[in-house]
Protein backbone atom coordinates (compact mmCIF):
# COMPACT_ATOMS: atom_id res chain seq x y z
CA MET A 1 41.39 -63.74 -63.71
CA VAL A 2 40.24 -64.17 -67.43
CA LYS A 3 36.90 -63.89 -68.42
CA LEU A 4 35.74 -66.25 -70.88
CA ASN A 5 33.33 -65.23 -73.35
CA ILE A 6 31.47 -68.64 -73.46
CA SER A 7 31.80 -71.28 -70.83
CA ALA A 8 32.98 -75.24 -71.42
CA ALA A 9 28.99 -75.96 -70.24
CA ASP A 10 27.67 -73.74 -72.78
CA MET A 11 30.35 -75.23 -75.67
CA VAL A 12 28.97 -78.52 -74.51
CA ALA A 13 25.43 -77.57 -74.49
CA ALA A 14 25.65 -76.25 -78.09
CA ALA A 15 27.29 -78.54 -79.77
CA ARG A 16 24.43 -81.56 -78.13
CA GLU A 17 22.01 -79.30 -80.04
CA ARG A 18 23.90 -80.05 -83.50
CA ILE A 19 25.15 -83.71 -83.05
CA GLU A 20 23.72 -87.62 -82.80
CA GLU A 21 23.56 -88.42 -79.16
CA VAL A 22 23.11 -92.24 -78.37
CA SER A 23 21.68 -93.28 -74.76
CA ALA A 24 24.11 -95.71 -72.99
CA ALA A 25 21.26 -98.26 -72.70
CA ASP A 26 20.69 -97.56 -76.71
CA ALA A 27 24.88 -97.95 -77.01
CA ILE A 28 24.87 -101.24 -75.00
CA ALA A 29 22.30 -102.69 -77.33
CA MET A 30 24.79 -101.60 -80.34
CA MET A 31 27.67 -102.88 -78.88
CA ASP A 32 27.38 -106.62 -80.92
CA ASN A 33 26.68 -105.00 -84.30
CA PRO A 34 29.40 -105.53 -86.24
CA ASP A 35 28.68 -102.11 -88.60
CA VAL A 36 29.00 -99.93 -85.09
CA VAL A 37 32.60 -98.94 -83.79
CA ILE A 38 32.46 -97.31 -80.23
CA VAL A 39 35.62 -95.59 -79.53
CA ASP A 40 37.14 -94.07 -76.63
CA LEU A 41 38.26 -90.93 -76.44
CA ARG A 42 39.41 -91.29 -72.63
CA ASP A 43 42.95 -90.84 -71.87
CA VAL A 44 44.67 -94.50 -71.15
CA ARG A 45 44.97 -93.78 -67.46
CA GLU A 46 40.55 -93.00 -66.82
CA ARG A 47 40.84 -96.86 -68.68
CA GLN A 48 43.61 -97.98 -66.21
CA ARG A 49 41.60 -96.97 -63.38
CA VAL A 50 38.21 -97.52 -63.99
CA GLY A 51 38.19 -100.06 -67.26
CA PHE A 52 37.01 -99.80 -70.51
CA ILE A 53 34.23 -100.97 -73.04
CA PRO A 54 34.78 -104.06 -74.45
CA GLY A 55 35.82 -103.80 -77.84
CA ALA A 56 36.10 -100.15 -77.83
CA PHE A 57 38.54 -99.20 -80.20
CA HIS A 58 40.97 -96.25 -78.23
CA CYS A 59 41.04 -92.66 -79.67
CA PRO A 60 43.26 -90.78 -77.15
CA ARG A 61 40.91 -86.96 -77.64
CA GLY A 62 44.55 -85.25 -78.75
CA MET A 63 45.15 -87.20 -81.72
CA MET A 64 41.34 -87.48 -83.19
CA GLU A 65 41.11 -84.98 -85.51
CA PHE A 66 44.11 -86.53 -87.44
CA TRP A 67 43.60 -90.24 -86.61
CA VAL A 68 40.17 -89.48 -88.53
CA ASP A 69 41.75 -87.58 -91.81
CA PRO A 70 42.10 -89.47 -94.43
CA GLU A 71 45.17 -87.27 -95.39
CA SER A 72 47.14 -87.00 -92.57
CA PRO A 73 49.75 -89.15 -91.82
CA TYR A 74 48.49 -89.87 -88.35
CA PHE A 75 45.07 -91.51 -90.41
CA LYS A 76 44.07 -95.14 -88.72
CA SER A 77 42.26 -97.07 -91.76
CA ILE A 78 39.33 -98.20 -88.74
CA PHE A 79 37.65 -94.44 -89.65
CA GLY A 80 37.90 -95.03 -93.59
CA GLU A 81 35.64 -98.13 -92.64
CA ASP A 82 31.82 -98.08 -94.06
CA LYS A 83 30.79 -98.49 -90.20
CA LYS A 84 28.74 -95.85 -87.66
CA PHE A 85 31.04 -94.31 -85.25
CA VAL A 86 29.97 -93.72 -81.82
CA PHE A 87 32.31 -92.25 -79.31
CA HIS A 88 32.13 -91.93 -75.75
CA CYS A 89 34.19 -90.48 -72.36
CA ALA A 90 33.69 -90.53 -69.06
CA SER A 91 30.68 -87.94 -68.82
CA GLY A 92 29.65 -86.71 -72.23
CA TRP A 93 31.42 -83.59 -72.17
CA ARG A 94 34.53 -84.17 -74.14
CA SER A 95 32.81 -86.18 -76.53
CA ALA A 96 30.12 -83.77 -77.28
CA LEU A 97 32.75 -81.41 -78.35
CA ALA A 98 34.66 -83.96 -79.69
CA VAL A 99 31.72 -85.39 -82.10
CA ALA A 100 30.99 -81.06 -83.23
CA THR A 101 34.51 -81.06 -84.63
CA LEU A 102 34.46 -84.24 -86.37
CA ASN A 103 30.70 -83.64 -88.02
CA ASP A 104 32.77 -79.62 -89.14
CA MET A 105 35.41 -82.12 -90.43
CA GLY A 106 32.59 -84.30 -92.70
CA PHE A 107 33.14 -87.38 -90.74
CA PRO A 108 29.22 -88.97 -89.42
CA ALA A 109 29.84 -89.47 -85.93
CA ALA A 110 27.88 -90.01 -82.62
CA HIS A 111 28.18 -89.91 -78.75
CA ILE A 112 27.01 -91.18 -76.00
CA ARG A 113 25.23 -88.62 -74.01
CA GLU A 114 25.71 -90.25 -70.58
CA GLY A 115 29.69 -91.30 -71.57
CA PHE A 116 30.87 -94.36 -69.60
CA THR A 117 29.44 -93.37 -66.18
CA GLY A 118 26.36 -93.95 -67.86
CA TRP A 119 27.39 -96.97 -69.50
CA VAL A 120 28.22 -98.24 -66.30
CA GLU A 121 25.12 -97.22 -64.29
CA GLN A 122 23.01 -98.59 -67.27
CA GLY A 123 25.17 -101.98 -66.28
CA GLY A 124 27.10 -102.39 -69.89
CA PRO A 125 30.05 -104.42 -69.51
CA VAL A 126 33.21 -103.39 -68.40
CA GLU A 127 36.37 -104.90 -69.07
CA THR A 128 39.91 -103.73 -67.19
CA TYR A 129 43.49 -104.55 -67.33
CA LYS A 130 44.81 -107.52 -66.76
CA THR A 131 47.75 -107.09 -63.56
CA GLU A 132 49.99 -109.68 -62.61
């Protein structure tokens, strides 16, 4: 078995010490603010299975750095807007690491500390895909 130098939990804890965290309750209060973009990092299958935050921009975690970088051929113009970007995943682990990476790139961002799970627990609205 491989011996890791640092665990995933340790990496998340270190990221959380240096990034902006927004509580799920505060994120719910921000959702109608036109100057805030909530960004969903989860896989499309997670969104299909449990729903998503209405109006959230979907940015799969594997494309995030490329979509945010204006020099990338994959750049998405939404990330060039003068807005506050609040990222989330299911539980706040992936988004903590993602936002630490974005901050390292010079992109200001925050994340929902409790993730989508906390959003749901706090009574935030959830949209689901329409099925035929």
